C-alpha cells in the first residue's frame, strides 16, 4: 500500500504552481488598482509602485515561464513556435474582450478622448503578448 499522497506521486512542482497562483493574484491586484483608483484611494498605486517597489506580478509570471521552459518535456522549435503564437493570440483576444465594448460605447457617445484611450488599450501589448513573443523567439532561435 502506498502511503504517499496523490500530490506526492504527481510530476507537478508545487512551488511552481504556487508561483503561478501568486502571479495571477498579483495581476488581479495590479489591474484592480489601475481601474478602481479614484479620489478616495488616490495614491494607492503610487505607494505600491514607488514606495514598496511594486507588486511583482509580471516578474513572477515571467519567472514561472522561464522555469517552465527549463523543465519542459517538449522543447522542440515547432512546439514553442505554435505555443508562442497561441499565447500571443490569447493576449490580443483578451484586449478585444476588455476594450471593444467600452470603445464602442465611447464611439457612440462621441467622446473622442476616451475613444483614443480605448483604441490604445485595444492594440497595446501586455504580459501575455510579451510571453508569447518570448516563446516564439525561443522557438525560432533554436
N, C-alpha and C. Protein backbone atom coordinates (compact mmCIF):
# COMPACT_ATOMS: atom_id res chain seq x y z
N UNK A 1 0.84 -1.17 0.00
CA UNK A 1 0.00 0.00 0.00
C UNK A 1 0.89 1.24 0.00
N UNK A 2 0.56 2.18 -0.85
CA UNK A 2 1.34 3.39 -0.98
C UNK A 2 0.82 4.42 0.02
N UNK A 3 1.71 4.90 0.89
CA UNK A 3 1.28 5.85 1.92
C UNK A 3 1.43 7.30 1.48
N UNK A 4 1.99 7.52 0.29
CA UNK A 4 2.17 8.89 -0.17
C UNK A 4 0.86 9.46 -0.70
N UNK A 5 0.72 10.75 -0.58
CA UNK A 5 -0.47 11.41 -1.10
C UNK A 5 -0.42 11.43 -2.62
N UNK A 6 -1.58 11.59 -3.29
CA UNK A 6 -1.59 11.66 -4.75
C UNK A 6 -0.72 12.79 -5.29
N UNK A 7 -0.62 13.89 -4.54
CA UNK A 7 0.22 15.00 -5.00
C UNK A 7 1.69 14.62 -5.01
N UNK A 8 2.10 13.75 -4.06
CA UNK A 8 3.50 13.33 -4.00
C UNK A 8 3.87 12.47 -5.19
N UNK A 9 2.92 11.72 -5.74
CA UNK A 9 3.18 10.87 -6.90
C UNK A 9 3.15 11.66 -8.19
N UNK A 10 2.61 12.84 -8.17
CA UNK A 10 2.48 13.67 -9.36
C UNK A 10 3.84 14.23 -9.75
N UNK A 11 4.00 14.50 -11.05
CA UNK A 11 5.24 15.09 -11.52
C UNK A 11 5.18 16.62 -11.46
N UNK A 12 4.10 17.16 -10.95
CA UNK A 12 3.95 18.61 -10.85
C UNK A 12 4.82 19.15 -9.73
N UNK A 13 5.30 20.37 -9.91
CA UNK A 13 6.09 21.03 -8.88
C UNK A 13 5.18 22.03 -8.16
N UNK A 14 4.91 21.75 -6.90
CA UNK A 14 4.01 22.58 -6.11
C UNK A 14 4.52 24.01 -6.02
N UNK A 15 5.84 24.19 -5.92
CA UNK A 15 6.40 25.54 -5.82
C UNK A 15 6.10 26.36 -7.07
N UNK A 16 6.22 25.74 -8.23
CA UNK A 16 5.94 26.43 -9.48
C UNK A 16 4.45 26.77 -9.59
N UNK A 17 3.60 25.84 -9.19
CA UNK A 17 2.15 26.10 -9.19
C UNK A 17 1.80 27.23 -8.23
N UNK A 18 2.46 27.27 -7.07
CA UNK A 18 2.21 28.36 -6.12
C UNK A 18 2.67 29.69 -6.70
N UNK A 19 3.79 29.69 -7.40
CA UNK A 19 4.26 30.91 -8.06
C UNK A 19 3.30 31.39 -9.12
N UNK A 20 2.76 30.47 -9.90
CA UNK A 20 1.76 30.84 -10.91
C UNK A 20 0.50 31.41 -10.26
N UNK A 21 0.08 30.79 -9.16
CA UNK A 21 -1.08 31.29 -8.44
C UNK A 21 -0.84 32.70 -7.93
N UNK A 22 0.33 32.94 -7.34
CA UNK A 22 0.65 34.28 -6.84
C UNK A 22 0.72 35.29 -7.98
N UNK A 23 1.25 34.89 -9.13
CA UNK A 23 1.31 35.80 -10.28
C UNK A 23 -0.09 36.21 -10.70
N UNK A 24 -1.02 35.27 -10.70
CA UNK A 24 -2.40 35.58 -11.08
C UNK A 24 -3.03 36.53 -10.06
N UNK A 25 -2.81 36.27 -8.78
CA UNK A 25 -3.35 37.13 -7.73
C UNK A 25 -2.74 38.52 -7.84
N UNK A 26 -1.43 38.60 -8.04
CA UNK A 26 -0.76 39.90 -8.18
C UNK A 26 -1.29 40.66 -9.38
N UNK A 27 -1.51 39.96 -10.50
CA UNK A 27 -2.05 40.63 -11.71
C UNK A 27 -3.43 41.20 -11.41
N UNK A 28 -4.26 40.45 -10.71
CA UNK A 28 -5.60 40.94 -10.38
C UNK A 28 -5.50 42.18 -9.51
N UNK A 29 -4.61 42.18 -8.53
CA UNK A 29 -4.46 43.35 -7.65
C UNK A 29 -4.01 44.56 -8.44
N UNK A 30 -3.00 44.38 -9.29
CA UNK A 30 -2.47 45.50 -10.08
C UNK A 30 -3.55 46.10 -10.96
N UNK A 31 -4.30 45.25 -11.67
CA UNK A 31 -5.32 45.76 -12.58
C UNK A 31 -6.51 46.36 -11.84
N UNK A 32 -6.86 45.82 -10.69
CA UNK A 32 -7.95 46.42 -9.90
C UNK A 32 -7.56 47.80 -9.40
N UNK A 33 -6.32 47.95 -8.97
CA UNK A 33 -5.87 49.26 -8.50
C UNK A 33 -5.89 50.25 -9.66
N UNK A 34 -5.44 49.83 -10.86
CA UNK A 34 -5.45 50.72 -12.02
C UNK A 34 -6.86 51.19 -12.35
N UNK A 35 -7.82 50.27 -12.30
CA UNK A 35 -9.19 50.59 -12.72
C UNK A 35 -9.94 51.36 -11.64
N UNK A 36 -9.83 50.93 -10.39
CA UNK A 36 -10.69 51.47 -9.34
C UNK A 36 -10.06 52.60 -8.52
N UNK A 37 -8.84 52.99 -8.85
CA UNK A 37 -8.24 54.09 -8.10
C UNK A 37 -8.99 55.38 -8.41
N UNK A 38 -9.37 56.10 -7.38
CA UNK A 38 -10.11 57.35 -7.55
C UNK A 38 -9.66 58.35 -6.50
N UNK A 39 -10.45 59.38 -6.28
CA UNK A 39 -10.06 60.41 -5.32
C UNK A 39 -9.91 59.87 -3.90
N UNK A 40 -10.71 58.89 -3.56
CA UNK A 40 -10.66 58.32 -2.21
C UNK A 40 -9.40 57.49 -2.03
N UNK A 41 -9.07 56.68 -3.02
CA UNK A 41 -7.92 55.79 -2.91
C UNK A 41 -6.69 56.37 -3.59
N UNK A 42 -6.76 57.65 -3.94
CA UNK A 42 -5.65 58.28 -4.66
C UNK A 42 -4.34 58.06 -3.91
N UNK A 43 -3.39 57.57 -4.64
CA UNK A 43 -2.09 57.34 -4.05
C UNK A 43 -1.78 55.88 -3.80
N UNK A 44 -2.78 55.00 -3.82
CA UNK A 44 -2.52 53.58 -3.58
C UNK A 44 -1.60 53.02 -4.66
N UNK A 45 -1.86 53.38 -5.91
CA UNK A 45 -0.99 52.93 -6.99
C UNK A 45 0.41 53.49 -6.87
N UNK A 46 0.50 54.77 -6.49
CA UNK A 46 1.80 55.40 -6.30
C UNK A 46 2.58 54.70 -5.19
N UNK A 47 1.92 54.43 -4.07
CA UNK A 47 2.58 53.78 -2.95
C UNK A 47 3.07 52.40 -3.37
N UNK A 48 2.21 51.62 -4.03
CA UNK A 48 2.61 50.27 -4.42
C UNK A 48 3.73 50.27 -5.45
N UNK A 49 3.70 51.20 -6.38
CA UNK A 49 4.72 51.21 -7.43
C UNK A 49 6.03 51.86 -7.01
N UNK A 50 5.96 52.95 -6.27
CA UNK A 50 7.16 53.72 -5.99
C UNK A 50 7.73 53.56 -4.59
N UNK A 51 6.89 53.23 -3.62
CA UNK A 51 7.38 53.09 -2.26
C UNK A 51 7.78 51.65 -1.97
N UNK A 52 6.90 50.72 -2.29
CA UNK A 52 7.20 49.31 -1.99
C UNK A 52 7.94 48.62 -3.12
N UNK A 53 8.15 49.29 -4.25
CA UNK A 53 8.86 48.66 -5.36
C UNK A 53 7.93 47.95 -6.31
N UNK A 54 6.65 48.02 -6.06
CA UNK A 54 5.68 47.42 -6.98
C UNK A 54 5.26 46.03 -6.55
N UNK A 55 4.12 45.65 -7.06
CA UNK A 55 3.65 44.28 -6.87
C UNK A 55 4.29 43.47 -7.99
N UNK A 56 4.97 42.43 -7.66
CA UNK A 56 5.76 41.70 -8.64
C UNK A 56 4.93 40.73 -9.46
N UNK A 57 3.95 41.26 -10.17
CA UNK A 57 3.09 40.41 -10.97
C UNK A 57 3.82 39.91 -12.21
N UNK A 58 4.27 40.82 -13.05
CA UNK A 58 4.93 40.43 -14.30
C UNK A 58 6.24 39.68 -14.06
N UNK A 59 7.10 40.11 -13.13
CA UNK A 59 8.33 39.34 -12.91
C UNK A 59 8.07 37.90 -12.45
N UNK A 60 7.10 37.71 -11.57
CA UNK A 60 6.79 36.35 -11.11
C UNK A 60 6.24 35.53 -12.27
N UNK A 61 5.38 36.14 -13.07
CA UNK A 61 4.82 35.46 -14.24
C UNK A 61 5.93 35.02 -15.19
N UNK A 62 6.87 35.93 -15.49
CA UNK A 62 7.95 35.61 -16.42
C UNK A 62 8.93 34.60 -15.81
N UNK A 63 9.15 34.66 -14.49
CA UNK A 63 9.99 33.66 -13.84
C UNK A 63 9.39 32.27 -13.99
N UNK A 64 8.08 32.17 -13.79
CA UNK A 64 7.40 30.88 -13.95
C UNK A 64 7.50 30.40 -15.40
N UNK A 65 7.40 31.32 -16.35
CA UNK A 65 7.55 30.96 -17.76
C UNK A 65 8.95 30.42 -18.02
N UNK A 66 9.97 31.08 -17.49
CA UNK A 66 11.35 30.62 -17.69
C UNK A 66 11.61 29.27 -17.05
N UNK A 67 11.12 29.07 -15.84
CA UNK A 67 11.28 27.78 -15.18
C UNK A 67 10.53 26.70 -15.96
N UNK A 68 9.36 27.07 -16.47
CA UNK A 68 8.60 26.13 -17.30
C UNK A 68 9.38 25.73 -18.55
N UNK A 69 10.07 26.70 -19.16
CA UNK A 69 10.94 26.38 -20.31
C UNK A 69 12.02 25.39 -19.91
N UNK A 70 12.67 25.66 -18.76
CA UNK A 70 13.80 24.85 -18.33
C UNK A 70 13.41 23.40 -18.05
N UNK A 71 12.23 23.21 -17.49
CA UNK A 71 11.81 21.86 -17.09
C UNK A 71 10.79 21.23 -18.04
N UNK A 72 10.55 21.85 -19.17
CA UNK A 72 9.55 21.33 -20.11
C UNK A 72 10.03 20.04 -20.76
N UNK A 73 9.12 19.11 -20.95
CA UNK A 73 9.46 17.86 -21.64
C UNK A 73 9.55 18.06 -23.14
N UNK A 74 8.81 19.01 -23.67
CA UNK A 74 8.78 19.24 -25.10
C UNK A 74 9.33 20.64 -25.39
N UNK A 75 10.54 20.69 -25.93
CA UNK A 75 11.15 21.97 -26.26
C UNK A 75 11.49 22.06 -27.74
N UNK A 76 10.77 21.32 -28.56
CA UNK A 76 11.04 21.39 -29.99
C UNK A 76 10.66 22.76 -30.52
N UNK A 77 11.40 23.25 -31.52
CA UNK A 77 11.07 24.57 -32.08
C UNK A 77 9.63 24.67 -32.57
N UNK A 78 9.12 23.62 -33.20
CA UNK A 78 7.75 23.64 -33.71
C UNK A 78 6.76 23.82 -32.57
N UNK A 79 6.97 23.11 -31.46
CA UNK A 79 6.08 23.23 -30.30
C UNK A 79 6.13 24.64 -29.72
N UNK A 80 7.34 25.18 -29.54
CA UNK A 80 7.48 26.51 -28.95
C UNK A 80 6.88 27.59 -29.83
N UNK A 81 7.08 27.50 -31.14
CA UNK A 81 6.50 28.48 -32.06
C UNK A 81 4.98 28.41 -32.02
N UNK A 82 4.44 27.20 -32.07
CA UNK A 82 2.98 27.02 -32.02
C UNK A 82 2.41 27.55 -30.71
N UNK A 83 3.06 27.22 -29.59
CA UNK A 83 2.59 27.66 -28.28
C UNK A 83 2.72 29.18 -28.14
N UNK A 84 3.83 29.74 -28.65
CA UNK A 84 4.03 31.18 -28.60
C UNK A 84 2.96 31.93 -29.38
N UNK A 85 2.63 31.42 -30.57
CA UNK A 85 1.57 32.05 -31.36
C UNK A 85 0.23 31.98 -30.66
N UNK A 86 -0.03 30.84 -30.02
CA UNK A 86 -1.30 30.68 -29.29
C UNK A 86 -1.40 31.66 -28.12
N UNK A 87 -0.32 31.82 -27.36
CA UNK A 87 -0.32 32.75 -26.23
C UNK A 87 -0.44 34.19 -26.72
N UNK A 88 0.26 34.52 -27.81
CA UNK A 88 0.18 35.86 -28.39
C UNK A 88 -1.25 36.18 -28.82
N UNK A 89 -1.90 35.22 -29.47
CA UNK A 89 -3.30 35.41 -29.90
C UNK A 89 -4.23 35.54 -28.70
N UNK A 90 -3.97 34.76 -27.63
CA UNK A 90 -4.80 34.88 -26.42
C UNK A 90 -4.65 36.26 -25.80
N UNK A 91 -3.46 36.82 -25.84
CA UNK A 91 -3.25 38.17 -25.30
C UNK A 91 -4.05 39.20 -26.06
N UNK A 92 -4.05 39.11 -27.39
CA UNK A 92 -4.83 40.08 -28.16
C UNK A 92 -6.33 39.80 -28.05
N UNK A 93 -6.71 38.54 -27.88
CA UNK A 93 -8.13 38.24 -27.65
C UNK A 93 -8.59 38.86 -26.33
N UNK A 94 -7.73 38.83 -25.32
CA UNK A 94 -8.06 39.49 -24.05
C UNK A 94 -8.22 41.00 -24.25
N UNK A 95 -7.35 41.60 -25.08
CA UNK A 95 -7.50 43.02 -25.38
C UNK A 95 -8.84 43.31 -26.04
N UNK A 96 -9.27 42.43 -26.92
CA UNK A 96 -10.56 42.61 -27.60
C UNK A 96 -11.69 42.57 -26.57
N UNK A 97 -11.65 41.57 -25.69
CA UNK A 97 -12.72 41.40 -24.71
C UNK A 97 -12.80 42.60 -23.77
N UNK A 98 -11.67 43.09 -23.32
CA UNK A 98 -11.71 44.17 -22.34
C UNK A 98 -11.75 45.56 -22.94
N UNK A 99 -11.62 45.70 -24.26
CA UNK A 99 -11.57 47.03 -24.87
C UNK A 99 -12.68 47.34 -25.85
N UNK A 100 -13.24 46.34 -26.51
CA UNK A 100 -14.19 46.61 -27.58
C UNK A 100 -15.49 47.23 -27.07
N UNK A 101 -16.05 46.68 -26.00
CA UNK A 101 -17.32 47.21 -25.50
C UNK A 101 -17.17 48.67 -25.06
N UNK A 102 -16.17 49.01 -24.23
CA UNK A 102 -16.02 50.43 -23.88
C UNK A 102 -15.70 51.29 -25.10
N UNK A 103 -14.91 50.75 -26.04
CA UNK A 103 -14.57 51.50 -27.24
C UNK A 103 -15.83 51.83 -28.03
N UNK A 104 -16.70 50.86 -28.23
CA UNK A 104 -17.94 51.09 -28.97
C UNK A 104 -18.84 52.10 -28.24
N UNK A 105 -18.89 51.98 -26.91
CA UNK A 105 -19.69 52.92 -26.13
C UNK A 105 -19.21 54.34 -26.36
N UNK A 106 -17.91 54.56 -26.27
CA UNK A 106 -17.37 55.91 -26.42
C UNK A 106 -17.43 56.40 -27.86
N UNK A 107 -17.42 55.50 -28.84
CA UNK A 107 -17.62 55.91 -30.23
C UNK A 107 -19.03 56.44 -30.40
N UNK A 108 -20.02 55.72 -29.85
CA UNK A 108 -21.42 56.14 -29.99
C UNK A 108 -21.74 57.41 -29.18
N UNK A 109 -21.04 57.61 -28.07
CA UNK A 109 -21.27 58.83 -27.28
C UNK A 109 -20.37 59.98 -27.75
N UNK A 110 -19.59 59.73 -28.76
CA UNK A 110 -18.71 60.73 -29.40
C UNK A 110 -17.75 61.38 -28.41
N UNK A 111 -17.18 60.55 -27.56
CA UNK A 111 -16.17 61.01 -26.61
C UNK A 111 -14.80 60.68 -27.20
N UNK A 112 -14.25 61.62 -27.95
CA UNK A 112 -13.03 61.38 -28.71
C UNK A 112 -11.82 61.02 -27.86
N UNK A 113 -11.71 61.66 -26.70
CA UNK A 113 -10.56 61.37 -25.84
C UNK A 113 -10.58 59.93 -25.36
N UNK A 114 -11.74 59.46 -24.92
CA UNK A 114 -11.84 58.08 -24.44
C UNK A 114 -11.74 57.08 -25.59
N UNK A 115 -12.19 57.46 -26.79
CA UNK A 115 -12.02 56.58 -27.96
C UNK A 115 -10.54 56.34 -28.19
N UNK A 116 -9.74 57.40 -28.14
CA UNK A 116 -8.29 57.26 -28.33
C UNK A 116 -7.68 56.40 -27.22
N UNK A 117 -8.15 56.59 -26.00
CA UNK A 117 -7.62 55.81 -24.87
C UNK A 117 -7.90 54.33 -25.06
N UNK A 118 -9.16 53.98 -25.38
CA UNK A 118 -9.50 52.56 -25.51
C UNK A 118 -8.98 51.95 -26.80
N UNK A 119 -8.75 52.75 -27.82
CA UNK A 119 -8.10 52.25 -29.03
C UNK A 119 -6.65 51.88 -28.72
N UNK A 120 -6.01 52.69 -27.89
CA UNK A 120 -4.65 52.36 -27.45
C UNK A 120 -4.65 51.08 -26.61
N UNK A 121 -5.65 50.91 -25.72
CA UNK A 121 -5.75 49.67 -24.94
C UNK A 121 -5.95 48.47 -25.85
N UNK A 122 -6.70 48.67 -26.92
CA UNK A 122 -7.02 47.59 -27.86
C UNK A 122 -5.77 47.05 -28.54
N UNK A 123 -4.80 47.93 -28.86
CA UNK A 123 -3.64 47.47 -29.61
C UNK A 123 -2.38 47.33 -28.75
N UNK A 124 -2.46 47.69 -27.47
CA UNK A 124 -1.25 47.64 -26.64
C UNK A 124 -0.83 46.22 -26.32
N UNK A 125 0.43 46.07 -26.01
CA UNK A 125 0.94 44.78 -25.58
C UNK A 125 0.90 44.70 -24.06
N UNK A 126 0.74 43.50 -23.56
CA UNK A 126 0.69 43.27 -22.13
C UNK A 126 1.57 42.06 -21.85
N UNK A 127 1.48 41.51 -20.68
CA UNK A 127 2.37 40.41 -20.29
C UNK A 127 2.14 39.16 -21.15
N UNK A 128 0.90 38.89 -21.56
CA UNK A 128 0.67 37.70 -22.40
C UNK A 128 1.31 37.86 -23.78
N UNK A 129 1.22 39.04 -24.36
CA UNK A 129 1.86 39.25 -25.65
C UNK A 129 3.38 39.10 -25.50
N UNK A 130 3.93 39.64 -24.41
CA UNK A 130 5.36 39.52 -24.18
C UNK A 130 5.77 38.06 -24.01
N UNK A 131 5.00 37.31 -23.24
CA UNK A 131 5.31 35.89 -23.04
C UNK A 131 5.21 35.12 -24.35
N UNK A 132 4.19 35.41 -25.15
CA UNK A 132 4.05 34.75 -26.44
C UNK A 132 5.21 35.05 -27.37
N UNK A 133 5.62 36.32 -27.40
CA UNK A 133 6.76 36.69 -28.24
C UNK A 133 8.06 36.06 -27.74
N UNK A 134 8.22 35.96 -26.42
CA UNK A 134 9.41 35.32 -25.87
C UNK A 134 9.46 33.84 -26.25
N UNK A 135 8.33 33.16 -26.15
CA UNK A 135 8.29 31.74 -26.51
C UNK A 135 8.50 31.57 -28.02
N UNK A 136 7.88 32.44 -28.81
CA UNK A 136 8.04 32.39 -30.26
C UNK A 136 9.49 32.62 -30.66
N UNK A 137 10.13 33.60 -30.06
CA UNK A 137 11.52 33.89 -30.36
C UNK A 137 12.44 32.73 -29.94
N UNK A 138 12.16 32.14 -28.80
CA UNK A 138 12.94 30.99 -28.35
C UNK A 138 12.85 29.85 -29.36
N UNK A 139 11.65 29.58 -29.86
CA UNK A 139 11.47 28.53 -30.87
C UNK A 139 12.20 28.85 -32.17
N UNK A 140 12.15 30.10 -32.60
CA UNK A 140 12.82 30.50 -33.84
C UNK A 140 14.33 30.40 -33.68
N UNK A 141 14.85 30.84 -32.53
CA UNK A 141 16.31 30.83 -32.33
C UNK A 141 16.86 29.43 -32.12
N UNK A 142 16.04 28.47 -31.75
CA UNK A 142 16.52 27.09 -31.61
C UNK A 142 16.79 26.53 -32.98
